[in-house]
Amino acid sequence: MSNHTSMKSTWRDDPSQWGIPHKILNSANVFHDDPTREIPVHPKSDKLAHLPDWQSHRWILIHSFLPLALHQTWLYFTNIPFHPIVAFIFYYQASRLFAFRQLRAMRELGHKHGFLDGDKHPRDGVPDSGVGKTLLSVFLAGFLRPLFTTYLTYDKTTTPMSIISSIPSITTLFFEISLYSITVDFWFYWYHRIMHDISPFWKFHRTHHLTKHPNPLLTIYADSEQEFFDIAGIPLMAYATMKYALGFPMGFYDWHICQLYVLFAEVAGHSGLRLHATVPNPLAEIMRWFEMDLVIEDHDLHHRKGWRKSMNYGKQTRIWDRVFGTCGERIESVEGNVDYENRACMPIF
């Protein structure tokens, strides 16, 4: 009988026991490690390599603007706008490619730089009892976000490159990217903290905390109620706040880019990479002045050290943790343990 509270992961060792979910997940080739390759293990006193902010921005912007450029090229040569169903399929596939490429890029970084707390424990794998659940959560996150984005905002009379067609539109996009993740984090912080602090709500979050050393495929691995809020509830609340409370346009293409920034942060935050890497945000440098920036170790420590009571509830920034006094102390990513001369590289290809 499967133990649904166990994080034991041995299924990749025996393909003869695989069902359809195992085969699909294996064929995607998006695991955090390659069992045939070594992973470096570092004591906590070893200095961390530094991943500059601009590399993360470069990676996100290239992968987010490429589908917009292809869409714009189609319009230029055909003058035929995408039907909403075509737009959904196209941008769903673009988001899927974004996620898959990020997962594989982070695997390469893991094999080069190792993982946080690696001297004590390896990263948890996808649990034997949760392969189907993991596959479903990854699929739903990738499918539903483009679906409601298309339904709420797609306008076939608006062209992709309109969001960068003028200085005002570029300025608007800059602030949308900057503030959307902060707004997402506000709603996420409080819903997340409530699940920890108020006993009846803990049951909706407990499954996500079974992993003490998460990997990116476990980003949305949770109870159904949490999965709904992570995938749809929080993004929709942030969208409504940005559009109706703050007055931003939040059109289809700008929201698409904003969501890819959030997705990048969600995946990186569960990667456990032994790197000093800040969650990318155009305002990250200002956040650093006030110690409000979020690095990979912050959410990793939330999983490792936290259970019913925890710290580091934010997943995009530390703004709300700093404001409400719930920041935890870093261990390996403390300023004196970062080697800024040893620069990591987020591979584009």
Protein backbone atom coordinates (compact mmCIF):
# COMPACT_ATOMS: atom_id res chain seq x y z
CA MET A 1 0.00 0.00 0.00
CA SER A 2 1.31 3.47 -0.91
CA ASN A 3 2.29 5.77 1.90
CA HIS A 4 1.04 9.19 0.79
CA THR A 5 3.03 10.98 3.49
CA SER A 6 6.36 9.50 2.40
CA MET A 7 8.84 11.31 0.16
CA LYS A 8 10.66 8.06 -0.68
CA SER A 9 11.60 8.15 -4.35
CA THR A 10 12.94 4.98 -5.96
CA TRP A 11 10.68 4.62 -9.00
CA ARG A 12 13.21 5.94 -11.52
CA ASP A 13 15.44 2.95 -10.72
CA ASP A 14 12.98 0.33 -12.01
CA PRO A 15 11.28 1.15 -15.34
CA SER A 16 9.58 -2.25 -15.36
CA GLN A 17 7.20 -0.95 -12.67
CA TRP A 18 6.25 2.24 -14.48
CA GLY A 19 2.70 3.17 -15.36
CA ILE A 20 1.60 5.82 -17.82
CA PRO A 21 2.30 8.82 -15.49
CA HIS A 22 5.83 7.52 -14.83
CA LYS A 23 6.51 7.17 -18.55
CA ILE A 24 5.16 10.63 -19.38
CA LEU A 25 7.18 12.31 -16.63
CA ASN A 26 10.32 10.42 -17.62
CA SER A 27 9.91 11.27 -21.32
CA ALA A 28 9.64 14.98 -20.47
CA ASN A 29 13.23 14.84 -19.16
CA VAL A 30 12.80 17.67 -16.68
CA PHE A 31 14.14 16.10 -13.49
CA HIS A 32 16.44 18.14 -11.25
CA ASP A 33 19.28 15.64 -11.72
CA ASP A 34 20.77 13.10 -14.09
CA PRO A 35 21.54 9.93 -12.09
CA THR A 36 24.49 9.14 -14.37
CA ARG A 37 26.30 12.39 -13.48
CA GLU A 38 27.97 13.61 -10.33
CA ILE A 39 26.61 16.43 -8.19
CA PRO A 40 29.23 18.43 -6.25
CA VAL A 41 28.76 18.50 -2.48
CA HIS A 42 29.98 21.52 -0.53
CA PRO A 43 30.32 22.22 3.18
CA LYS A 44 28.24 25.21 4.19
CA SER A 45 31.37 27.32 4.68
CA ASP A 46 32.31 27.08 0.98
CA LYS A 47 31.56 30.30 -0.84
CA LEU A 48 28.62 30.42 -3.25
CA ALA A 49 28.91 31.44 -6.87
CA HIS A 50 26.86 34.49 -7.84
CA LEU A 51 24.25 34.57 -10.60
CA PRO A 52 23.94 38.21 -11.74
CA ASP A 53 20.41 39.60 -12.04
CA TRP A 54 20.88 40.53 -15.68
CA GLN A 55 21.38 36.91 -16.66
CA SER A 56 18.00 35.92 -15.24
CA HIS A 57 16.34 38.90 -16.94
CA ARG A 58 18.04 38.03 -20.23
CA TRP A 59 16.83 34.43 -20.01
CA ILE A 60 13.23 35.40 -19.19
CA LEU A 61 12.95 38.19 -21.75
CA ILE A 62 14.39 36.13 -24.61
CA HIS A 63 12.05 33.24 -23.88
CA SER A 64 9.01 35.46 -23.32
CA PHE A 65 9.47 37.76 -26.32
CA LEU A 66 10.32 35.03 -28.84
CA PRO A 67 6.70 33.81 -29.13
CA LEU A 68 5.53 37.43 -29.34
CA ALA A 69 7.98 38.02 -32.19
CA LEU A 70 6.79 34.90 -34.02
CA HIS A 71 3.17 35.98 -33.56
CA GLN A 72 3.99 39.47 -34.82
CA THR A 73 5.78 37.98 -37.85
CA TRP A 74 2.70 35.91 -38.67
CA LEU A 75 0.56 39.06 -38.55
CA TYR A 76 3.02 40.97 -40.72
CA PHE A 77 2.97 38.41 -43.54
CA THR A 78 -0.66 37.27 -43.36
CA ASN A 79 -2.61 40.06 -41.63
CA ILE A 80 -4.71 37.25 -40.12
CA PRO A 81 -5.17 37.55 -36.33
CA PHE A 82 -5.07 34.50 -34.12
CA HIS A 83 -8.45 33.13 -33.14
CA PRO A 84 -8.66 32.98 -29.30
CA ILE A 85 -8.37 29.18 -29.39
CA VAL A 86 -5.26 29.43 -31.57
CA ALA A 87 -3.84 32.09 -29.25
CA PHE A 88 -4.42 29.85 -26.24
CA ILE A 89 -2.74 26.85 -27.88
CA PHE A 90 0.20 28.93 -29.11
CA TYR A 91 0.90 30.65 -25.79
CA TYR A 92 0.25 27.49 -23.80
CA GLN A 93 2.97 25.78 -25.84
CA ALA A 94 5.23 28.82 -25.40
CA SER A 95 4.78 28.72 -21.62
CA ARG A 96 5.35 24.96 -21.62
CA LEU A 97 8.59 25.38 -23.57
CA PHE A 98 9.65 28.16 -21.17
CA ALA A 99 9.14 25.89 -18.15
CA PHE A 100 10.83 22.86 -19.71
CA ARG A 101 13.86 24.86 -20.79
CA GLN A 102 14.16 26.47 -17.36
CA LEU A 103 13.98 23.09 -15.64
CA ARG A 104 16.73 21.69 -17.86
CA ALA A 105 18.90 24.79 -17.47
CA MET A 106 18.63 24.54 -13.69
CA ARG A 107 19.57 20.89 -13.83
CA GLU A 108 22.80 21.93 -15.53
CA LEU A 109 23.43 24.51 -12.82
CA GLY A 110 22.80 21.87 -10.15
CA HIS A 111 25.36 19.52 -11.65
CA LYS A 112 27.89 22.34 -11.80
CA HIS A 113 27.31 24.10 -8.46
CA GLY A 114 25.50 21.56 -6.28
CA PHE A 115 22.59 22.12 -3.94
CA LEU A 116 21.94 23.88 -0.65
CA ASP A 117 22.36 21.71 2.46
CA GLY A 118 23.91 19.14 0.14
CA ASP A 119 26.41 18.07 2.79
CA LYS A 120 23.49 16.83 4.90
CA HIS A 121 20.82 15.65 2.49
CA PRO A 122 20.26 15.28 -1.27
CA ARG A 123 17.30 16.86 -3.01
CA ASP A 124 14.03 15.00 -2.64
CA GLY A 125 12.83 13.29 -5.79
CA VAL A 126 9.28 12.91 -7.04
CA PRO A 127 7.84 10.51 -4.44
CA ASP A 128 6.87 6.96 -5.38
CA SER A 129 3.37 7.61 -4.06
CA GLY A 130 2.98 10.95 -5.87
CA VAL A 131 4.07 10.50 -9.48
CA GLY A 132 0.56 10.89 -10.89
CA LYS A 133 -0.18 13.80 -8.56
CA THR A 134 3.03 15.56 -9.57
CA LEU A 135 2.30 15.11 -13.26
CA LEU A 136 -1.25 16.42 -12.85
CA SER A 137 -0.15 19.48 -10.85
CA VAL A 138 2.48 20.40 -13.44
CA PHE A 139 -0.02 19.96 -16.27
CA LEU A 140 -2.75 22.00 -14.58
CA ALA A 141 -0.40 24.88 -13.79
CA GLY A 142 0.82 25.00 -17.37
CA PHE A 143 -2.66 24.63 -18.87
CA LEU A 144 -4.93 26.74 -16.67
CA ARG A 145 -2.87 29.92 -16.45
CA PRO A 146 -2.75 30.48 -20.23
CA LEU A 147 -6.41 29.45 -20.41
CA PHE A 148 -7.74 32.10 -18.04
CA THR A 149 -5.26 34.66 -19.38
CA THR A 150 -6.65 34.14 -22.88
CA TYR A 151 -10.26 34.14 -21.73
CA LEU A 152 -9.96 37.35 -19.72
CA THR A 153 -7.62 39.46 -21.79
CA TYR A 154 -7.02 38.27 -25.36
CA ASP A 155 -7.98 40.87 -27.96
CA LYS A 156 -7.22 39.91 -31.55
CA THR A 157 -7.13 43.57 -32.58
CA THR A 158 -4.10 44.20 -30.35
CA THR A 159 -0.70 43.23 -31.73
CA PRO A 160 2.05 41.63 -29.63
CA MET A 161 4.61 44.35 -30.20
CA SER A 162 2.19 47.09 -29.14
CA ILE A 163 3.49 46.64 -25.59
CA ILE A 164 6.90 47.98 -26.65
CA SER A 165 5.81 50.32 -29.46
CA SER A 166 6.49 53.55 -27.56
CA ILE A 167 8.30 54.93 -24.52
CA PRO A 168 5.04 55.10 -22.50
CA SER A 169 4.17 51.48 -23.32
CA ILE A 170 7.68 50.29 -22.39
CA THR A 171 7.48 52.26 -19.14
CA THR A 172 4.10 50.72 -18.37
CA LEU A 173 5.46 47.22 -19.03
CA PHE A 174 8.44 47.92 -16.75
CA PHE A 175 6.17 48.81 -13.84
CA GLU A 176 3.74 45.98 -14.57
CA ILE A 177 6.56 43.43 -14.37
CA SER A 178 7.93 45.08 -11.24
CA LEU A 179 4.66 45.42 -9.34
CA TYR A 180 2.86 42.28 -10.50
CA SER A 181 5.24 39.95 -8.66
CA ILE A 182 5.05 42.17 -5.56
CA THR A 183 1.25 42.06 -5.75
CA VAL A 184 1.25 38.29 -6.27
CA ASP A 185 3.52 38.06 -3.26
CA PHE A 186 1.22 40.14 -1.06
CA TRP A 187 -1.72 37.82 -1.65
CA PHE A 188 0.49 34.72 -1.51
CA TYR A 189 2.17 35.85 1.72
CA TRP A 190 -1.09 36.16 3.61
CA TYR A 191 -2.79 33.06 2.27
CA HIS A 192 0.43 31.12 2.88
CA ARG A 193 0.90 32.48 6.40
CA ILE A 194 -2.74 31.82 7.30
CA MET A 195 -2.29 28.15 6.37
CA HIS A 196 0.63 27.98 8.80
CA ASP A 197 -0.75 30.11 11.62
CA ILE A 198 -4.41 29.07 11.77
CA SER A 199 -4.78 25.40 12.66
CA PRO A 200 -7.86 24.46 10.55
CA PHE A 201 -6.09 25.66 7.38
CA TRP A 202 -2.87 23.70 7.92
CA LYS A 203 -4.46 20.58 6.40
CA PHE A 204 -4.52 22.35 3.03
CA HIS A 205 -0.76 23.01 3.12
CA ARG A 206 0.66 19.99 4.91
CA THR A 207 1.34 17.92 1.78
CA HIS A 208 3.49 20.67 0.28
CA HIS A 209 5.67 20.61 3.39
CA LEU A 210 6.38 16.89 3.24
CA THR A 211 9.44 17.81 1.20
CA LYS A 212 12.26 19.35 3.23
CA HIS A 213 14.59 19.59 0.24
CA PRO A 214 12.28 20.34 -2.71
CA ASN A 215 13.03 20.12 -6.39
CA PRO A 216 11.31 22.17 -9.12
CA LEU A 217 8.80 19.45 -10.06
CA LEU A 218 7.40 19.75 -6.53
CA THR A 219 6.65 23.47 -6.91
CA ILE A 220 2.88 22.90 -7.12
CA TYR A 221 2.88 19.52 -5.30
CA ALA A 222 0.24 20.17 -2.65
CA ASP A 223 -3.26 19.46 -1.47
CA SER A 224 -6.00 20.28 -3.99
CA GLU A 225 -7.10 23.46 -2.24
CA GLN A 226 -3.59 24.89 -2.25
CA GLU A 227 -3.04 23.84 -5.85
CA PHE A 228 -6.13 25.83 -6.87
CA PHE A 229 -4.94 28.99 -5.14
CA ASP A 230 -1.33 28.61 -6.36
CA ILE A 231 -2.36 28.00 -9.95
CA ALA A 232 -5.34 30.33 -10.34
CA GLY A 233 -6.58 32.04 -7.18
CA ILE A 234 -3.51 34.12 -6.37
CA PRO A 235 -2.73 35.15 -9.98
CA LEU A 236 -6.35 36.22 -10.51
CA MET A 237 -6.38 38.24 -7.29
CA ALA A 238 -3.12 39.91 -8.34
CA TYR A 239 -4.51 40.62 -11.82
CA ALA A 240 -7.63 42.23 -10.36
CA THR A 241 -5.52 44.32 -7.98
CA MET A 242 -3.21 45.52 -10.74
CA LYS A 243 -6.01 46.32 -13.19
CA TYR A 244 -8.80 47.66 -11.02
CA ALA A 245 -7.01 48.99 -7.93
CA LEU A 246 -3.74 50.22 -9.44
CA GLY A 247 -5.03 51.06 -12.92
CA PHE A 248 -2.56 49.15 -15.10
CA PRO A 249 -3.74 47.88 -18.53
CA MET A 250 -2.76 44.24 -17.84
CA GLY A 251 -3.44 43.23 -21.42
CA PHE A 252 -2.85 39.75 -22.78
CA TYR A 253 0.79 40.15 -23.79
CA ASP A 254 1.98 42.10 -20.76
CA TRP A 255 0.23 39.68 -18.38
CA HIS A 256 1.85 36.79 -20.25
CA ILE A 257 5.30 38.26 -19.58
CA CYS A 258 4.45 39.08 -15.95
CA GLN A 259 3.34 35.50 -15.38
CA LEU A 260 6.54 34.09 -16.85
CA TYR A 261 8.53 36.20 -14.38
CA VAL A 262 6.45 34.70 -11.57
CA LEU A 263 6.84 31.18 -12.98
CA PHE A 264 10.62 31.60 -13.17
CA ALA A 265 10.69 32.62 -9.49
CA GLU A 266 8.44 29.73 -8.42
CA VAL A 267 10.62 27.15 -10.14
CA ALA A 268 13.91 28.71 -8.98
CA GLY A 269 12.64 28.96 -5.41
CA HIS A 270 12.11 25.20 -5.28
CA SER A 271 15.35 24.33 -7.08
CA GLY A 272 17.63 24.41 -4.04
CA LEU A 273 20.52 25.48 -6.27
CA ARG A 274 23.65 26.37 -4.32
CA LEU A 275 23.88 29.79 -5.90
CA HIS A 276 23.48 33.33 -4.70
CA ALA A 277 20.68 34.26 -7.09
CA THR A 278 18.02 36.89 -6.50
CA VAL A 279 14.49 36.40 -7.80
CA PRO A 280 14.50 38.65 -10.89
CA ASN A 281 12.56 41.89 -10.57
CA PRO A 282 13.39 45.25 -12.18
CA LEU A 283 13.29 46.76 -8.68
CA ALA A 284 15.55 44.11 -7.11
CA GLU A 285 18.41 46.55 -6.49
CA ILE A 286 16.12 48.83 -4.48
CA MET A 287 14.87 45.80 -2.53
CA ARG A 288 18.47 44.91 -1.66
CA TRP A 289 18.97 48.32 -0.05
CA PHE A 290 16.27 47.39 2.47
CA GLU A 291 17.14 43.66 2.67
CA MET A 292 13.84 42.83 0.99
CA ASP A 293 15.24 40.82 -1.94
CA LEU A 294 14.55 37.08 -2.09
CA VAL A 295 17.30 34.58 -2.89
CA ILE A 296 16.99 30.86 -3.58
CA GLU A 297 17.95 29.90 -0.04
CA ASP A 298 15.08 31.85 1.53
CA HIS A 299 12.26 29.60 0.34
CA ASP A 300 14.50 26.56 0.68
CA LEU A 301 14.85 27.32 4.39
CA HIS A 302 11.09 27.75 4.65
CA HIS A 303 10.77 24.09 3.64
CA ARG A 304 13.77 22.81 5.57
CA LYS A 305 13.17 24.56 8.88
CA GLY A 306 9.45 25.19 8.81
CA TRP A 307 6.43 23.04 9.60
CA ARG A 308 3.41 24.44 11.43
CA LYS A 309 5.37 27.56 12.39
CA SER A 310 7.77 28.93 9.86
CA MET A 311 9.33 32.02 8.30
CA ASN A 312 10.03 33.36 4.80
CA TYR A 313 6.42 33.13 3.65
CA GLY A 314 6.98 35.19 0.50
CA LYS A 315 7.93 33.48 -2.75
CA GLN A 316 8.70 36.46 -5.00
CA THR A 317 10.27 38.96 -2.60
CA ARG A 318 10.95 39.47 1.11
CA ILE A 319 9.02 42.74 1.20
CA TRP A 320 6.10 41.38 3.18
CA ASP A 321 8.28 39.16 5.37
CA ARG A 322 10.37 42.21 6.23
CA VAL A 323 7.32 44.43 6.85
CA PHE A 324 5.58 41.85 9.04
CA GLY A 325 8.67 40.51 10.82
CA THR A 326 8.86 36.97 9.46
CA CYS A 327 12.27 36.94 7.74
CA GLY A 328 14.50 34.00 8.60
CA GLU A 329 18.28 34.09 8.86
CA ARG A 330 20.23 32.85 5.86
CA ILE A 331 22.90 30.19 6.33
CA GLU A 332 24.86 29.62 3.11
CA SER A 333 23.77 32.79 1.28
CA VAL A 334 24.95 35.26 3.91
CA GLU A 335 26.80 38.18 2.37
CA GLY A 336 30.23 37.08 3.59
CA ASN A 337 29.82 33.66 2.00
CA VAL A 338 29.18 34.89 -1.54
CA ASP A 339 31.99 34.98 -4.11
CA TYR A 340 30.88 37.72 -6.49
CA GLU A 341 33.91 37.10 -8.71
CA ASN A 342 32.77 33.52 -9.34
CA ARG A 343 29.87 34.18 -11.68
CA ALA A 344 27.44 31.46 -12.61
CA CYS A 345 25.82 31.47 -16.04
CA MET A 346 22.16 30.77 -16.82
CA PRO A 347 22.51 28.91 -20.13
CA ILE A 348 20.32 30.18 -22.96
CA PHE A 349 20.79 27.07 -25.10
